[in-house]
Amino acid sequence: MVNDVEKRWSDPRTFRHAAWYVVAVLVTTVVAVALTMTWAGRRSECSDADTALCDTMARTVVGLGPGGVLLLGGIGAFVMTFLQWRRRRNWVIWQGAGWFLFTLMVVFLSIAGGAR
């Protein structure tokens, strides 16, 4: 069992891996936003509308697509947290990455859910 009081929380290599993981999830999220917005704007139902998010289907897909990417990214970071903890390595950095991605997901879904 790891003694959490030791505070072995400084590990540049683990930090780099977690940071690159978060960047990869954020780039994937931006790609998902671009793809879903393009899909929503090119639908025949929205061709006459002033906005790309003209109906419930478009708003749902644009909200849940990138939100799902952030959710899966956060779950992946928490899985890495568990694996690092089991290996008795520095797990706190991965937990921070998971909470960061979950927080972004909640903010994104709040904004996307409130957009009309």
PDB file of N, CA and C in Angstrom:
ATOM      1  N   MET A   1       0.831  -1.177   0.000  1.00  0.00           N
ATOM      2  CA  MET A   1       0.000   0.000   0.000  1.00  0.00           C
ATOM      3  C   MET A   1       0.880   1.247   0.000  1.00  0.00           C
ATOM      4  N   VAL A   2       0.465   2.256  -0.683  1.00  0.00           N
ATOM      5  CA  VAL A   2       1.212   3.500  -0.771  1.00  0.00           C
ATOM      6  C   VAL A   2       0.900   4.346   0.456  1.00  0.00           C
ATOM      7  N   ASN A   3       1.923   4.928   1.032  1.00  0.00           N
ATOM      8  CA  ASN A   3       1.744   5.857   2.131  1.00  0.00           C
ATOM      9  C   ASN A   3       1.521   7.235   1.531  1.00  0.00           C
ATOM     10  N   ASP A   4       0.278   7.706   1.540  1.00  0.00           N
ATOM     11  CA  ASP A   4      -0.055   8.973   0.909  1.00  0.00           C
ATOM     12  C   ASP A   4       0.527  10.169   1.626  1.00  0.00           C
ATOM     13  N   VAL A   5       1.012   9.967   2.847  1.00  0.00           N
ATOM     14  CA  VAL A   5       1.586  11.072   3.602  1.00  0.00           C
ATOM     15  C   VAL A   5       2.954  11.455   3.041  1.00  0.00           C
ATOM     16  N   GLU A   6       3.596  10.533   2.303  1.00  0.00           N
ATOM     17  CA  GLU A   6       4.917  10.803   1.754  1.00  0.00           C
ATOM     18  C   GLU A   6       4.911  11.969   0.771  1.00  0.00           C
ATOM     19  N   LYS A   7       3.829  12.199   0.103  1.00  0.00           N
ATOM     20  CA  LYS A   7       3.672  13.302  -0.849  1.00  0.00           C
ATOM     21  C   LYS A   7       4.706  13.250  -1.984  1.00  0.00           C
ATOM     22  N   ARG A   8       4.815  12.081  -2.606  1.00  0.00           N
ATOM     23  CA  ARG A   8       5.685  11.945  -3.777  1.00  0.00           C
ATOM     24  C   ARG A   8       4.930  12.445  -4.999  1.00  0.00           C
ATOM     25  N   TRP A   9       4.568  13.700  -4.995  1.00  0.00           N
ATOM     26  CA  TRP A   9       3.716  14.231  -6.038  1.00  0.00           C
ATOM     27  C   TRP A   9       4.485  14.953  -7.120  1.00  0.00           C
ATOM     28  N   SER A  10       5.778  15.012  -7.018  1.00  0.00           N
ATOM     29  CA  SER A  10       6.586  15.697  -8.014  1.00  0.00           C
ATOM     30  C   SER A  10       7.243  14.651  -8.913  1.00  0.00           C
ATOM     31  N   ASP A  11       6.713  14.511 -10.096  1.00  0.00           N
ATOM     32  CA  ASP A  11       7.256  13.557 -11.064  1.00  0.00           C
ATOM     33  C   ASP A  11       7.094  14.169 -12.459  1.00  0.00           C
ATOM     34  N   PRO A  12       8.140  14.806 -12.968  1.00  0.00           N
ATOM     35  CA  PRO A  12       8.030  15.486 -14.265  1.00  0.00           C
ATOM     36  C   PRO A  12       7.601  14.569 -15.411  1.00  0.00           C
ATOM     37  N   ARG A  13       8.057  13.326 -15.399  1.00  0.00           N
ATOM     38  CA  ARG A  13       7.698  12.409 -16.490  1.00  0.00           C
ATOM     39  C   ARG A  13       6.195  12.111 -16.482  1.00  0.00           C
ATOM     40  N   THR A  14       5.651  11.809 -15.314  1.00  0.00           N
ATOM     41  CA  THR A  14       4.202  11.557 -15.210  1.00  0.00           C
ATOM     42  C   THR A  14       3.419  12.809 -15.576  1.00  0.00           C
ATOM     43  N   PHE A  15       3.904  13.971 -15.147  1.00  0.00           N
ATOM     44  CA  PHE A  15       3.230  15.221 -15.489  1.00  0.00           C
ATOM     45  C   PHE A  15       3.195  15.426 -16.995  1.00  0.00           C
ATOM     46  N   ARG A  16       4.317  15.158 -17.673  1.00  0.00           N
ATOM     47  CA  ARG A  16       4.346  15.302 -19.139  1.00  0.00           C
ATOM     48  C   ARG A  16       3.350  14.359 -19.811  1.00  0.00           C
ATOM     49  N   HIS A  17       3.302  13.111 -19.340  1.00  0.00           N
ATOM     50  CA  HIS A  17       2.362  12.156 -19.928  1.00  0.00           C
ATOM     51  C   HIS A  17       0.913  12.612 -19.720  1.00  0.00           C
ATOM     52  N   ALA A  18       0.604  13.050 -18.518  1.00  0.00           N
ATOM     53  CA  ALA A  18      -0.761  13.505 -18.228  1.00  0.00           C
ATOM     54  C   ALA A  18      -1.096  14.773 -19.014  1.00  0.00           C
ATOM     55  N   ALA A  19      -0.143  15.687 -19.115  1.00  0.00           N
ATOM     56  CA  ALA A  19      -0.379  16.931 -19.860  1.00  0.00           C
ATOM     57  C   ALA A  19      -0.621  16.644 -21.341  1.00  0.00           C
ATOM     58  N   TRP A  20       0.180  15.766 -21.929  1.00  0.00           N
ATOM     59  CA  TRP A  20      -0.029  15.417 -23.338  1.00  0.00           C
ATOM     60  C   TRP A  20      -1.353  14.692 -23.534  1.00  0.00           C
ATOM     61  N   TYR A  21      -1.740  13.893 -22.563  1.00  0.00           N
ATOM     62  CA  TYR A  21      -3.036  13.208 -22.635  1.00  0.00           C
ATOM     63  C   TYR A  21      -4.168  14.234 -22.643  1.00  0.00           C
ATOM     64  N   VAL A  22      -4.098  15.214 -21.746  1.00  0.00           N
ATOM     65  CA  VAL A  22      -5.130  16.251 -21.690  1.00  0.00           C
ATOM     66  C   VAL A  22      -5.155  17.051 -22.989  1.00  0.00           C
ATOM     67  N   VAL A  23      -4.000  17.402 -23.519  1.00  0.00           N
ATOM     68  CA  VAL A  23      -3.941  18.139 -24.782  1.00  0.00           C
ATOM     69  C   VAL A  23      -4.557  17.315 -25.912  1.00  0.00           C
ATOM     70  N   ALA A  24      -4.266  16.019 -25.940  1.00  0.00           N
ATOM     71  CA  ALA A  24      -4.844  15.154 -26.984  1.00  0.00           C
ATOM     72  C   ALA A  24      -6.360  15.085 -26.865  1.00  0.00           C
ATOM     73  N   VAL A  25      -6.874  14.994 -25.639  1.00  0.00           N
ATOM     74  CA  VAL A  25      -8.326  14.970 -25.449  1.00  0.00           C
ATOM     75  C   VAL A  25      -8.934  16.305 -25.877  1.00  0.00           C
ATOM     76  N   LEU A  26      -8.278  17.410 -25.552  1.00  0.00           N
ATOM     77  CA  LEU A  26      -8.817  18.720 -25.936  1.00  0.00           C
ATOM     78  C   LEU A  26      -8.788  18.917 -27.450  1.00  0.00           C
ATOM     79  N   VAL A  27      -7.749  18.461 -28.120  1.00  0.00           N
ATOM     80  CA  VAL A  27      -7.695  18.554 -29.592  1.00  0.00           C
ATOM     81  C   VAL A  27      -8.797  17.693 -30.204  1.00  0.00           C
ATOM     82  N   THR A  28      -9.003  16.498 -29.656  1.00  0.00           N
ATOM     83  CA  THR A  28     -10.078  15.628 -30.140  1.00  0.00           C
ATOM     84  C   THR A  28     -11.440  16.281 -29.915  1.00  0.00           C
ATOM     85  N   THR A  29     -11.589  16.983 -28.796  1.00  0.00           N
ATOM     86  CA  THR A  29     -12.846  17.681 -28.515  1.00  0.00           C
ATOM     87  C   THR A  29     -13.084  18.803 -29.519  1.00  0.00           C
ATOM     88  N   VAL A  30     -12.045  19.547 -29.842  1.00  0.00           N
ATOM     89  CA  VAL A  30     -12.180  20.625 -30.829  1.00  0.00           C
ATOM     90  C   VAL A  30     -12.548  20.052 -32.196  1.00  0.00           C
ATOM     91  N   VAL A  31     -11.946  18.935 -32.561  1.00  0.00           N
ATOM     92  CA  VAL A  31     -12.298  18.278 -33.824  1.00  0.00           C
ATOM     93  C   VAL A  31     -13.760  17.823 -33.783  1.00  0.00           C
ATOM     94  N   ALA A  32     -14.198  17.291 -32.641  1.00  0.00           N
ATOM     95  CA  ALA A  32     -15.599  16.862 -32.515  1.00  0.00           C
ATOM     96  C   ALA A  32     -16.543  18.052 -32.625  1.00  0.00           C
ATOM     97  N   VAL A  33     -16.176  19.189 -32.040  1.00  0.00           N
ATOM     98  CA  VAL A  33     -17.004  20.400 -32.174  1.00  0.00           C
ATOM     99  C   VAL A  33     -17.086  20.807 -33.640  1.00  0.00           C
ATOM    100  N   ALA A  34     -15.948  20.824 -34.327  1.00  0.00           N
ATOM    101  CA  ALA A  34     -15.940  21.221 -35.741  1.00  0.00           C
ATOM    102  C   ALA A  34     -16.785  20.272 -36.588  1.00  0.00           C
ATOM    103  N   LEU A  35     -16.633  18.976 -36.359  1.00  0.00           N
ATOM    104  CA  LEU A  35     -17.398  18.002 -37.144  1.00  0.00           C
ATOM    105  C   LEU A  35     -18.898  18.100 -36.872  1.00  0.00           C
ATOM    106  N   THR A  36     -19.277  18.220 -35.609  1.00  0.00           N
ATOM    107  CA  THR A  36     -20.713  18.285 -35.300  1.00  0.00           C
ATOM    108  C   THR A  36     -21.324  19.601 -35.763  1.00  0.00           C
ATOM    109  N   MET A  37     -20.577  20.690 -35.667  1.00  0.00           N
ATOM    110  CA  MET A  37     -21.107  21.971 -36.160  1.00  0.00           C
ATOM    111  C   MET A  37     -21.245  21.942 -37.679  1.00  0.00           C
ATOM    112  N   THR A  38     -20.292  21.324 -38.362  1.00  0.00           N
ATOM    113  CA  THR A  38     -20.382  21.195 -39.818  1.00  0.00           C
ATOM    114  C   THR A  38     -21.579  20.334 -40.192  1.00  0.00           C
ATOM    115  N   TRP A  39     -21.749  19.220 -39.479  1.00  0.00           N
ATOM    116  CA  TRP A  39     -22.891  18.347 -39.736  1.00  0.00           C
ATOM    117  C   TRP A  39     -24.203  19.098 -39.503  1.00  0.00           C
ATOM    118  N   ALA A  40     -24.275  19.833 -38.394  1.00  0.00           N
ATOM    119  CA  ALA A  40     -25.515  20.553 -38.066  1.00  0.00           C
ATOM    120  C   ALA A  40     -25.817  21.635 -39.095  1.00  0.00           C
ATOM    121  N   GLY A  41     -24.808  22.305 -39.596  1.00  0.00           N
ATOM    122  CA  GLY A  41     -25.019  23.379 -40.562  1.00  0.00           C
ATOM    123  C   GLY A  41     -25.385  22.894 -41.955  1.00  0.00           C
ATOM    124  N   ARG A  42     -25.020  21.679 -42.300  1.00  0.00           N
ATOM    125  CA  ARG A  42     -25.280  21.169 -43.648  1.00  0.00           C
ATOM    126  C   ARG A  42     -26.543  20.329 -43.748  1.00  0.00           C
ATOM    127  N   ARG A  43     -27.268  20.177 -42.676  1.00  0.00           N
ATOM    128  CA  ARG A  43     -28.503  19.392 -42.729  1.00  0.00           C
ATOM    129  C   ARG A  43     -29.555  20.136 -43.541  1.00  0.00           C
ATOM    130  N   SER A  44     -30.378  19.396 -44.231  1.00  0.00           N
ATOM    131  CA  SER A  44     -31.420  20.028 -45.060  1.00  0.00           C
ATOM    132  C   SER A  44     -32.457  20.733 -44.198  1.00  0.00           C
ATOM    133  N   GLU A  45     -32.663  20.243 -42.975  1.00  0.00           N
ATOM    134  CA  GLU A  45     -33.635  20.874 -42.081  1.00  0.00           C
ATOM    135  C   GLU A  45     -33.191  22.276 -41.665  1.00  0.00           C
ATOM    136  N   CYS A  46     -31.882  22.520 -41.680  1.00  0.00           N
ATOM    137  CA  CYS A  46     -31.356  23.809 -41.226  1.00  0.00           C
ATOM    138  C   CYS A  46     -30.879  24.697 -42.368  1.00  0.00           C
ATOM    139  N   SER A  47     -31.183  24.342 -43.592  1.00  0.00           N
ATOM    140  CA  SER A  47     -30.666  25.121 -44.726  1.00  0.00           C
ATOM    141  C   SER A  47     -31.260  26.532 -44.778  1.00  0.00           C
ATOM    142  N   ASP A  48     -32.491  26.697 -44.326  1.00  0.00           N
ATOM    143  CA  ASP A  48     -33.127  28.016 -44.359  1.00  0.00           C
ATOM    144  C   ASP A  48     -32.933  28.796 -43.065  1.00  0.00           C
ATOM    145  N   ALA A  49     -32.407  28.183 -42.047  1.00  0.00           N
ATOM    146  CA  ALA A  49     -32.310  28.810 -40.727  1.00  0.00           C
ATOM    147  C   ALA A  49     -31.147  29.799 -40.661  1.00  0.00           C
ATOM    148  N   ASP A  50     -31.262  30.718 -39.691  1.00  0.00           N
ATOM    149  CA  ASP A  50     -30.210  31.713 -39.483  1.00  0.00           C
ATOM    150  C   ASP A  50     -29.010  31.131 -38.739  1.00  0.00           C
ATOM    151  N   THR A  51     -29.234  30.096 -37.945  1.00  0.00           N
ATOM    152  CA  THR A  51     -28.157  29.504 -37.156  1.00  0.00           C
ATOM    153  C   THR A  51     -27.983  28.033 -37.527  1.00  0.00           C
ATOM    154  N   ALA A  52     -26.817  27.503 -37.209  1.00  0.00           N
ATOM    155  CA  ALA A  52     -26.549  26.088 -37.481  1.00  0.00           C
ATOM    156  C   ALA A  52     -27.310  25.191 -36.517  1.00  0.00           C
ATOM    157  N   LEU A  53     -27.569  25.684 -35.322  1.00  0.00           N
ATOM    158  CA  LEU A  53     -28.285  24.887 -34.316  1.00  0.00           C
ATOM    159  C   LEU A  53     -29.769  25.240 -34.373  1.00  0.00           C
ATOM    160  N   CYS A  54     -30.418  24.846 -35.452  1.00  0.00           N
ATOM    161  CA  CYS A  54     -31.781  25.290 -35.706  1.00  0.00           C
ATOM    162  C   CYS A  54     -32.838  24.422 -35.029  1.00  0.00           C
ATOM    163  N   ASP A  55     -32.513  23.199 -34.645  1.00  0.00           N
ATOM    164  CA  ASP A  55     -33.521  22.340 -34.031  1.00  0.00           C
ATOM    165  C   ASP A  55     -32.912  21.531 -32.885  1.00  0.00           C
ATOM    166  N   THR A  56     -33.760  20.748 -32.248  1.00  0.00           N
ATOM    167  CA  THR A  56     -33.338  19.978 -31.075  1.00  0.00           C
ATOM    168  C   THR A  56     -32.271  18.950 -31.427  1.00  0.00           C
ATOM    169  N   MET A  57     -32.393  18.295 -32.551  1.00  0.00           N
ATOM    170  CA  MET A  57     -31.415  17.288 -32.953  1.00  0.00           C
ATOM    171  C   MET A  57     -30.023  17.897 -33.100  1.00  0.00           C
ATOM    172  N   ALA A  58     -29.926  19.034 -33.753  1.00  0.00           N
ATOM    173  CA  ALA A  58     -28.630  19.688 -33.947  1.00  0.00           C
ATOM    174  C   ALA A  58     -28.031  20.104 -32.607  1.00  0.00           C
ATOM    175  N   ARG A  59     -28.840  20.701 -31.734  1.00  0.00           N
ATOM    176  CA  ARG A  59     -28.334  21.112 -30.418  1.00  0.00           C
ATOM    177  C   ARG A  59     -27.882  19.918 -29.589  1.00  0.00           C
ATOM    178  N   THR A  60     -28.623  18.819 -29.682  1.00  0.00           N
ATOM    179  CA  THR A  60     -28.274  17.631 -28.915  1.00  0.00           C
ATOM    180  C   THR A  60     -26.957  17.032 -29.379  1.00  0.00           C
ATOM    181  N   VAL A  61     -26.796  16.896 -30.683  1.00  0.00           N
ATOM    182  CA  VAL A  61     -25.575  16.289 -31.220  1.00  0.00           C
ATOM    183  C   VAL A  61     -24.361  17.181 -30.956  1.00  0.00           C
ATOM    184  N   VAL A  62     -24.503  18.475 -31.145  1.00  0.00           N
ATOM    185  CA  VAL A  62     -23.386  19.389 -30.908  1.00  0.00           C
ATOM    186  C   VAL A  62     -23.044  19.447 -29.420  1.00  0.00           C
ATOM    187  N   GLY A  63     -24.006  19.252 -28.557  1.00  0.00           N
ATOM    188  CA  GLY A  63     -23.725  19.241 -27.124  1.00  0.00           C
ATOM    189  C   GLY A  63     -23.146  17.932 -26.640  1.00  0.00           C
ATOM    190  N   LEU A  64     -23.737  16.821 -27.075  1.00  0.00           N
ATOM    191  CA  LEU A  64     -23.330  15.523 -26.536  1.00  0.00           C
ATOM    192  C   LEU A  64     -22.101  14.928 -27.211  1.00  0.00           C
ATOM    193  N   GLY A  65     -21.835  15.261 -28.453  1.00  0.00           N
ATOM    194  CA  GLY A  65     -20.659  14.716 -29.138  1.00  0.00           C
ATOM    195  C   GLY A  65     -19.358  15.112 -28.444  1.00  0.00           C
ATOM    196  N   PRO A  66     -19.049  16.395 -28.393  1.00  0.00           N
ATOM    197  CA  PRO A  66     -17.835  16.817 -27.687  1.00  0.00           C
ATOM    198  C   PRO A  66     -17.903  16.547 -26.181  1.00  0.00           C
ATOM    199  N   GLY A  67     -19.090  16.639 -25.605  1.00  0.00           N
ATOM    200  CA  GLY A  67     -19.232  16.305 -24.186  1.00  0.00           C
ATOM    201  C   GLY A  67     -18.874  14.856 -23.912  1.00  0.00           C
ATOM    202  N   GLY A  68     -19.243  13.984 -24.835  1.00  0.00           N
ATOM    203  CA  GLY A  68     -18.887  12.570 -24.707  1.00  0.00           C
ATOM    204  C   GLY A  68     -17.388  12.340 -24.822  1.00  0.00           C
ATOM    205  N   VAL A  69     -16.728  13.107 -25.684  1.00  0.00           N
ATOM    206  CA  VAL A  69     -15.272  12.997 -25.805  1.00  0.00           C
ATOM    207  C   VAL A  69     -14.616  13.402 -24.486  1.00  0.00           C
ATOM    208  N   LEU A  70     -15.082  14.493 -23.887  1.00  0.00           N
ATOM    209  CA  LEU A  70     -14.529  14.921 -22.598  1.00  0.00           C
ATOM    210  C   LEU A  70     -14.832  13.911 -21.497  1.00  0.00           C
ATOM    211  N   LEU A  71     -16.023  13.320 -21.526  1.00  0.00           N
ATOM    212  CA  LEU A  71     -16.371  12.290 -20.535  1.00  0.00           C
ATOM    213  C   LEU A  71     -15.439  11.091 -20.651  1.00  0.00           C
ATOM    214  N   LEU A  72     -15.255  10.586 -21.861  1.00  0.00           N
ATOM    215  CA  LEU A  72     -14.368   9.439 -22.059  1.00  0.00           C
ATOM    216  C   LEU A  72     -12.919   9.781 -21.710  1.00  0.00           C
ATOM    217  N   GLY A  73     -12.507  11.001 -22.016  1.00  0.00           N
ATOM    218  CA  GLY A  73     -11.157  11.424 -21.643  1.00  0.00           C
ATOM    219  C   GLY A  73     -10.979  11.478 -20.138  1.00  0.00           C
ATOM    220  N   GLY A  74     -11.981  11.980 -19.428  1.00  0.00           N
ATOM    221  CA  GLY A  74     -11.908  12.014 -17.966  1.00  0.00           C
ATOM    222  C   GLY A  74     -11.896  10.625 -17.367  1.00  0.00           C
ATOM    223  N   ILE A  75     -12.722   9.738 -17.901  1.00  0.00           N
ATOM    224  CA  ILE A  75     -12.733   8.350 -17.410  1.00  0.00           C
ATOM    225  C   ILE A  75     -11.378   7.697 -17.679  1.00  0.00           C
ATOM    226  N   GLY A  76     -10.805   7.940 -18.846  1.00  0.00           N
ATOM    227  CA  GLY A  76      -9.481   7.399 -19.154  1.00  0.00           C
ATOM    228  C   GLY A  76      -8.415   7.901 -18.186  1.00  0.00           C
ATOM    229  N   ALA A  77      -8.496   9.179 -17.814  1.00  0.00           N
ATOM    230  CA  ALA A  77      -7.534   9.719 -16.848  1.00  0.00           C
ATOM    231  C   ALA A  77      -7.721   9.071 -15.480  1.00  0.00           C
ATOM    232  N   PHE A  78      -8.976   8.812 -15.087  1.00  0.00           N
ATOM    233  CA  PHE A  78      -9.212   8.157 -13.801  1.00  0.00           C
ATOM    234  C   PHE A  78      -8.773   6.695 -13.829  1.00  0.00           C
ATOM    235  N   VAL A  79      -8.874   6.041 -14.980  1.00  0.00           N
ATOM    236  CA  VAL A  79      -8.341   4.681 -15.105  1.00  0.00           C
ATOM    237  C   VAL A  79      -6.818   4.719 -14.940  1.00  0.00           C
ATOM    238  N   MET A  80      -6.175   5.699 -15.550  1.00  0.00           N
ATOM    239  CA  MET A  80      -4.726   5.848 -15.362  1.00  0.00           C
ATOM    240  C   MET A  80      -4.388   6.151 -13.906  1.00  0.00           C
ATOM    241  N   THR A  81      -5.232   6.919 -13.224  1.00  0.00           N
ATOM    242  CA  THR A  81      -5.029   7.175 -11.797  1.00  0.00           C
ATOM    243  C   THR A  81      -5.010   5.864 -11.027  1.00  0.00           C
ATOM    244  N   PHE A  82      -5.992   5.020 -11.279  1.00  0.00           N
ATOM    245  CA  PHE A  82      -6.077   3.741 -10.586  1.00  0.00           C
ATOM    246  C   PHE A  82      -4.870   2.857 -10.896  1.00  0.00           C
ATOM    247  N   LEU A  83      -4.471   2.818 -12.171  1.00  0.00           N
ATOM    248  CA  LEU A  83      -3.327   1.992 -12.554  1.00  0.00           C
ATOM    249  C   LEU A  83      -2.035   2.495 -11.904  1.00  0.00           C
ATOM    250  N   GLN A  84      -1.852   3.795 -11.873  1.00  0.00           N
ATOM    251  CA  GLN A  84      -0.672   4.356 -11.218  1.00  0.00           C
ATOM    252  C   GLN A  84      -0.679   4.049  -9.720  1.00  0.00           C
ATOM    253  N   TRP A  85      -1.847   4.141  -9.107  1.00  0.00           N
ATOM    254  CA  TRP A  85      -1.966   3.847  -7.683  1.00  0.00           C
ATOM    255  C   TRP A  85      -1.633   2.385  -7.406  1.00  0.00           C
ATOM    256  N   ARG A  86      -2.122   1.492  -8.257  1.00  0.00           N
ATOM    257  CA  ARG A  86      -1.839   0.062  -8.082  1.00  0.00           C
ATOM    258  C   ARG A  86      -0.356  -0.249  -8.253  1.00  0.00           C
ATOM    259  N   ARG A  87       0.313   0.500  -9.108  1.00  0.00           N
ATOM    260  CA  ARG A  87       1.749   0.293  -9.322  1.00  0.00           C
ATOM    261  C   ARG A  87       2.606   1.008  -8.278  1.00  0.00           C
ATOM    262  N   ARG A  88       1.938   1.671  -7.343  1.00  0.00           N
ATOM    263  CA  ARG A  88       2.603   2.446  -6.285  1.00  0.00           C
ATOM    264  C   ARG A  88       3.445   3.574  -6.860  1.00  0.00           C
ATOM    265  N   ARG A  89       2.901   4.219  -7.859  1.00  0.00           N
ATOM    266  CA  ARG A  89       3.554   5.360  -8.484  1.00  0.00           C
ATOM    267  C   ARG A  89       2.761   6.623  -8.189  1.00  0.00           C
ATOM    268  N   ASN A  90       3.184   7.709  -8.792  1.00  0.00           N
ATOM    269  CA  ASN A  90       2.558   9.000  -8.555  1.00  0.00           C
ATOM    270  C   ASN A  90       1.207   9.070  -9.272  1.00  0.00           C
ATOM    271  N   TRP A  91       0.125   8.951  -8.541  1.00  0.00           N
ATOM    272  CA  TRP A  91      -1.216   8.889  -9.115  1.00  0.00           C
ATOM    273  C   TRP A  91      -1.945  10.225  -9.071  1.00  0.00           C
ATOM    274  N   VAL A  92      -1.489  11.154  -8.241  1.00  0.00           N
ATOM    275  CA  VAL A  92      -2.225  12.406  -8.007  1.00  0.00           C
ATOM    276  C   VAL A  92      -2.297  13.262  -9.265  1.00  0.00           C
ATOM    277  N   ILE A  93      -1.258  13.230 -10.070  1.00  0.00           N
ATOM    278  CA  ILE A  93      -1.234  14.036 -11.296  1.00  0.00           C
ATOM    279  C   ILE A  93      -2.335  13.579 -12.247  1.00  0.00           C
ATOM    280  N   TRP A  94      -2.507  12.269 -12.375  1.00  0.00           N
ATOM    281  CA  TRP A  94      -3.560  11.751 -13.252  1.00  0.00           C
ATOM    282  C   TRP A  94      -4.941  12.068 -12.701  1.00  0.00           C
ATOM    283  N   GLN A  95      -5.077  12.061 -11.384  1.00  0.00           N
ATOM    284  CA  GLN A  95      -6.365  12.417 -10.802  1.00  0.00           C
ATOM    285  C   GLN A  95      -6.707  13.875 -11.109  1.00  0.00           C
ATOM    286  N   GLY A  96      -5.702  14.736 -11.044  1.00  0.00           N
ATOM    287  CA  GLY A  96      -5.914  16.141 -11.411  1.00  0.00           C
ATOM    288  C   GLY A  96      -6.325  16.294 -12.861  1.00  0.00           C
ATOM    289  N   ALA A  97      -5.706  15.501 -13.742  1.00  0.00           N
ATOM    290  CA  ALA A  97      -6.075  15.548 -15.161  1.00  0.00           C
ATOM    291  C   ALA A  97      -7.522  15.100 -15.355  1.00  0.00           C
ATOM    292  N   GLY A  98      -7.926  14.062 -14.632  1.00  0.00           N
ATOM    293  CA  GLY A  98      -9.304  13.581 -14.733  1.00  0.00           C
ATOM    294  C   GLY A  98     -10.310  14.615 -14.258  1.00  0.00           C
ATOM    295  N   TRP A  99     -10.028  15.246 -13.118  1.00  0.00           N
ATOM    296  CA  TRP A  99     -10.955  16.260 -12.610  1.00  0.00           C
ATOM    297  C   TRP A  99     -10.987  17.486 -13.514  1.00  0.00           C
ATOM    298  N   PHE A 100      -9.860  17.842 -14.110  1.00  0.00           N
ATOM    299  CA  PHE A 100      -9.834  18.958 -15.052  1.00  0.00           C
ATOM    300  C   PHE A 100     -10.736  18.674 -16.245  1.00  0.00           C
ATOM    301  N   LEU A 101     -10.625  17.464 -16.811  1.00  0.00           N
ATOM    302  CA  LEU A 101     -11.452  17.110 -17.968  1.00  0.00           C
ATOM    303  C   LEU A 101     -12.929  17.004 -17.588  1.00  0.00           C
ATOM    304  N   PHE A 102     -13.227  16.472 -16.405  1.00  0.00           N
ATOM    305  CA  PHE A 102     -14.620  16.406 -15.960  1.00  0.00           C
ATOM    306  C   PHE A 102     -15.200  17.803 -15.757  1.00  0.00           C
ATOM    307  N   THR A 103     -14.402  18.709 -15.207  1.00  0.00           N
ATOM    308  CA  THR A 103     -14.875  20.086 -15.012  1.00  0.00           C
ATOM    309  C   THR A 103     -15.159  20.748 -16.352  1.00  0.00           C
ATOM    310  N   LEU A 104     -14.250  20.568 -17.316  1.00  0.00           N
ATOM    311  CA  LEU A 104     -14.502  21.116 -18.653  1.00  0.00           C
ATOM    312  C   LEU A 104     -15.757  20.521 -19.279  1.00  0.00           C
ATOM    313  N   MET A 105     -15.989  19.234 -19.038  1.00  0.00           N
ATOM    314  CA  MET A 105     -17.180  18.589 -19.580  1.00  0.00           C
ATOM    315  C   MET A 105     -18.442  19.225 -19.000  1.00  0.00           C
ATOM    316  N   VAL A 106     -18.455  19.439 -17.694  1.00  0.00           N
ATOM    317  CA  VAL A 106     -19.639  20.033 -17.062  1.00  0.00           C
ATOM    318  C   VAL A 106     -19.860  21.452 -17.579  1.00  0.00           C
ATOM    319  N   VAL A 107     -18.788  22.225 -17.698  1.00  0.00           N
ATOM    320  CA  VAL A 107     -18.923  23.588 -18.223  1.00  0.00           C
ATOM    321  C   VAL A 107     -19.421  23.559 -19.664  1.00  0.00           C
ATOM    322  N   PHE A 108     -18.843  22.698 -20.487  1.00  0.00           N
ATOM    323  CA  PHE A 108     -19.261  22.603 -21.888  1.00  0.00           C
ATOM    324  C   PHE A 108     -20.732  22.200 -21.999  1.00  0.00           C
ATOM    325  N   LEU A 109     -21.134  21.184 -21.243  1.00  0.00           N
ATOM    326  CA  LEU A 109     -22.535  20.739 -21.306  1.00  0.00           C
ATOM    327  C   LEU A 109     -23.487  21.801 -20.776  1.00  0.00           C
ATOM    328  N   SER A 110     -23.055  22.566 -19.784  1.00  0.00           N
ATOM    329  CA  SER A 110     -23.898  23.653 -19.266  1.00  0.00           C
ATOM    330  C   SER A 110     -24.101  24.732 -20.314  1.00  0.00           C
ATOM    331  N   ILE A 111     -23.026  25.085 -20.987  1.00  0.00           N
ATOM    332  CA  ILE A 111     -23.130  26.116 -22.030  1.00  0.00           C
ATOM    333  C   ILE A 111     -23.931  25.589 -23.218  1.00  0.00           C
ATOM    334  N   ALA A 112     -23.632  24.363 -23.645  1.00  0.00           N
ATOM    335  CA  ALA A 112     -24.337  23.795 -24.803  1.00  0.00           C
ATOM    336  C   ALA A 112     -25.806  23.547 -24.485  1.00  0.00           C
ATOM    337  N   GLY A 113     -26.111  23.157 -23.270  1.00  0.00           N
ATOM    338  CA  GLY A 113     -27.500  22.907 -22.897  1.00  0.00           C
ATOM    339  C   GLY A 113     -28.315  24.182 -22.766  1.00  0.00           C
ATOM    340  N   GLY A 114     -27.649  25.284 -22.446  1.00  0.00           N
ATOM    341  CA  GLY A 114     -28.355  26.544 -22.293  1.00  0.00           C
ATOM    342  C   GLY A 114     -28.468  27.340 -23.577  1.00  0.00           C
ATOM    343  N   ALA A 115     -27.750  26.960 -24.614  1.00  0.00           N
ATOM    344  CA  ALA A 115     -27.773  27.702 -25.885  1.00  0.00           C
ATOM    345  C   ALA A 115     -29.083  27.454 -26.613  1.00  0.00           C
ATOM    346  N   ARG A 116     -29.727  28.505 -27.014  1.00  0.00           N
ATOM    347  CA  ARG A 116     -30.984  28.408 -27.771  1.00  0.00           C
ATOM    348  C   ARG A 116     -30.925  29.300 -28.967  1.00  0.00           C
TER     349      ARG A 116
END
